[in-house]
Amino acid sequence: MVEKYTLGLVALALFLGLALPIALYLGQVYLQIQKLKWLRSIINGHETPQSFTAAITDIDVAIKDKRKEKTYAAVVAAWAEYRETLASHGEGEARHLRNSVRPSTFLNLEDLEYSAGFWRIVPGLFVTIGLFLTFLGENGSAKVCHGSGGIVLLRAE
């Protein structure tokens, strides 16, 4: 016979099995958000297009300094590709950089590898495990019912 606490242990194992992937996913998303906030703070730190143009070399250096860190590789590569599309526009003090291609072409979730990816299948895995355990439990209860002559009365103890 199954001990009374066994179902509680199974429920606890399932809860922990769900909590761990959620924690890993949230941690991954948090790090991705931090990288994008870092890039945004470097780029948006200029009030005018002219001040951005004057600081473009410093921006490039700050971003390229992160290329040695593996976790920033996609962001640095996307910036390098986008940087190639910036063209000088205007003359004199009105001179500034303009993009010839929209930034979203390079700085998007898919190209930065920030999409859900593997995590898309995790909910389906939990549904599959839940269905498996449901039918496993029904199979076990059917064996108990069959052994008792087919009639089972449930009473609260």
Protein backbone atom coordinates (compact mmCIF):
# COMPACT_ATOMS: atom_id res chain seq x y z
CA MET A 1 0.00 0.00 0.00
CA VAL A 2 1.15 3.53 -0.73
CA GLU A 3 2.07 5.73 2.21
CA LYS A 4 -0.17 8.75 2.79
CA TYR A 5 2.64 11.24 2.22
CA THR A 6 3.71 9.78 -1.15
CA LEU A 7 1.29 11.91 -3.17
CA GLY A 8 2.52 14.98 -1.34
CA LEU A 9 6.10 14.13 -2.27
CA VAL A 10 5.09 13.70 -5.90
CA ALA A 11 3.31 17.08 -5.82
CA LEU A 12 6.37 18.70 -4.22
CA ALA A 13 8.65 17.17 -6.87
CA LEU A 14 6.38 18.49 -9.63
CA PHE A 15 6.28 21.94 -8.04
CA LEU A 16 10.07 22.05 -7.79
CA GLY A 17 10.31 20.70 -11.32
CA LEU A 18 8.21 23.66 -12.46
CA ALA A 19 9.86 26.26 -10.22
CA LEU A 20 13.39 25.50 -11.43
CA PRO A 21 12.72 26.11 -15.15
CA ILE A 22 10.76 29.25 -14.29
CA ALA A 23 13.66 30.57 -12.22
CA LEU A 24 16.15 29.75 -15.00
CA TYR A 25 13.99 31.43 -17.63
CA LEU A 26 13.46 34.55 -15.53
CA GLY A 27 17.19 34.74 -14.83
CA GLN A 28 17.94 34.51 -18.55
CA VAL A 29 15.40 37.20 -19.40
CA TYR A 30 16.75 39.46 -16.63
CA LEU A 31 20.29 39.24 -18.04
CA GLN A 32 19.04 39.95 -21.55
CA ILE A 33 17.15 43.01 -20.34
CA GLN A 34 20.26 44.25 -18.52
CA LYS A 35 22.31 44.00 -21.73
CA LEU A 36 19.71 45.91 -23.72
CA LYS A 37 19.43 48.58 -21.01
CA TRP A 38 23.22 48.92 -21.10
CA LEU A 39 23.19 49.44 -24.87
CA ARG A 40 20.29 51.84 -24.64
CA SER A 41 22.01 53.93 -21.95
CA ILE A 42 25.08 54.31 -24.15
CA ILE A 43 23.11 55.26 -27.25
CA ASN A 44 20.44 57.45 -25.64
CA GLY A 45 22.88 59.44 -23.54
CA HIS A 46 22.88 62.25 -26.11
CA GLU A 47 20.35 65.03 -26.42
CA THR A 48 20.87 65.98 -30.05
CA PRO A 49 21.85 64.11 -33.22
CA GLN A 50 24.96 66.31 -33.37
CA SER A 51 26.11 65.28 -29.88
CA PHE A 52 25.52 61.64 -30.83
CA THR A 53 27.60 62.12 -33.97
CA ALA A 54 30.41 63.76 -31.99
CA ALA A 55 30.43 60.86 -29.53
CA ILE A 56 30.13 58.00 -32.04
CA THR A 57 33.76 56.98 -31.60
CA ASP A 58 33.35 56.79 -27.83
CA ILE A 59 30.15 54.79 -28.29
CA ASP A 60 31.93 52.36 -30.61
CA VAL A 61 34.79 51.92 -28.15
CA ALA A 62 32.42 51.33 -25.22
CA ILE A 63 30.50 48.70 -27.16
CA LYS A 64 33.61 47.02 -28.59
CA ASP A 65 35.06 46.75 -25.08
CA LYS A 66 32.28 44.26 -24.31
CA ARG A 67 33.07 41.98 -27.28
CA LYS A 68 35.39 39.90 -25.08
CA GLU A 69 32.45 38.97 -22.87
CA LYS A 70 30.68 36.03 -24.45
CA THR A 71 27.25 37.10 -23.21
CA TYR A 72 27.50 40.42 -25.07
CA ALA A 73 28.65 38.91 -28.38
CA ALA A 74 25.25 39.11 -30.10
CA VAL A 75 24.67 42.72 -28.99
CA VAL A 76 28.15 43.82 -30.09
CA ALA A 77 27.76 42.07 -33.46
CA ALA A 78 24.33 43.65 -34.02
CA TRP A 79 25.73 47.10 -33.20
CA ALA A 80 28.64 46.57 -35.61
CA GLU A 81 26.22 45.65 -38.41
CA TYR A 82 23.96 48.61 -37.61
CA ARG A 83 26.93 50.97 -37.34
CA GLU A 84 27.81 50.22 -40.97
CA THR A 85 24.45 51.66 -42.05
CA LEU A 86 24.99 55.07 -40.43
CA ALA A 87 25.74 57.77 -42.97
CA SER A 88 26.73 61.40 -42.50
CA HIS A 89 24.04 63.93 -43.35
CA GLY A 90 24.17 67.72 -43.50
CA GLU A 91 27.05 70.17 -43.37
CA GLY A 92 28.85 72.22 -40.78
CA GLU A 93 27.33 72.24 -37.31
CA ALA A 94 24.13 70.66 -38.61
CA ARG A 95 26.07 67.56 -39.67
CA HIS A 96 24.86 64.36 -38.03
CA LEU A 97 24.57 60.63 -38.63
CA ARG A 98 21.41 59.10 -40.06
CA ASN A 99 20.55 55.49 -40.46
CA SER A 100 19.97 54.09 -43.94
CA VAL A 101 18.39 50.93 -42.52
CA ARG A 102 15.99 50.73 -39.57
CA PRO A 103 17.68 49.66 -36.30
CA SER A 104 15.07 46.93 -35.85
CA THR A 105 16.63 45.10 -38.77
CA PHE A 106 19.69 44.34 -36.62
CA LEU A 107 18.55 44.89 -33.05
CA ASN A 108 15.63 42.48 -32.83
CA LEU A 109 14.97 39.57 -30.51
CA GLU A 110 15.50 36.87 -33.12
CA ASP A 111 18.88 38.15 -34.34
CA LEU A 112 20.06 38.77 -30.80
CA GLU A 113 18.98 35.21 -29.95
CA TYR A 114 16.71 36.57 -27.21
CA SER A 115 13.57 34.78 -28.35
CA ALA A 116 11.94 32.07 -26.25
CA GLY A 117 13.67 29.29 -28.21
CA PHE A 118 13.74 26.07 -26.17
CA TRP A 119 11.52 27.59 -23.51
CA ARG A 120 8.56 27.45 -25.91
CA ILE A 121 8.25 23.69 -25.39
CA VAL A 122 8.45 23.69 -21.59
CA PRO A 123 4.70 24.26 -20.99
CA GLY A 124 3.91 21.37 -23.35
CA LEU A 125 6.34 19.17 -21.44
CA PHE A 126 4.51 19.86 -18.20
CA VAL A 127 1.16 19.11 -19.82
CA THR A 128 2.58 15.83 -21.12
CA ILE A 129 3.96 14.89 -17.71
CA GLY A 130 0.64 15.81 -16.07
CA LEU A 131 -1.33 13.65 -18.50
CA PHE A 132 1.10 10.78 -18.06
CA LEU A 133 0.83 10.93 -14.28
CA THR A 134 -2.97 11.24 -14.50
CA PHE A 135 -3.29 8.07 -16.56
CA LEU A 136 -0.70 6.33 -14.42
CA GLY A 137 -2.76 7.18 -11.36
CA GLU A 138 -5.97 6.04 -13.04
CA ASN A 139 -4.31 2.78 -14.00
CA GLY A 140 -3.22 2.24 -10.41
CA SER A 141 -6.67 3.04 -9.03
CA ALA A 142 -8.29 0.73 -11.59
CA LYS A 143 -6.16 -2.14 -10.30
CA VAL A 144 -7.24 -1.35 -6.74
CA CYS A 145 -10.91 -1.25 -7.79
CA HIS A 146 -10.64 -4.47 -9.77
CA GLY A 147 -9.15 -6.28 -6.78
CA SER A 148 -11.99 -5.16 -4.50
CA GLY A 149 -14.77 -6.59 -6.63
CA GLY A 150 -15.41 -3.40 -8.60
CA ILE A 151 -17.27 -1.47 -5.92
CA VAL A 152 -15.40 1.20 -4.05
CA LEU A 153 -16.92 3.34 -1.35
CA LEU A 154 -14.95 6.43 -0.39
CA ARG A 155 -15.34 7.52 3.18
CA ALA A 156 -13.77 10.42 5.01
CA GLU A 157 -11.66 9.20 7.90
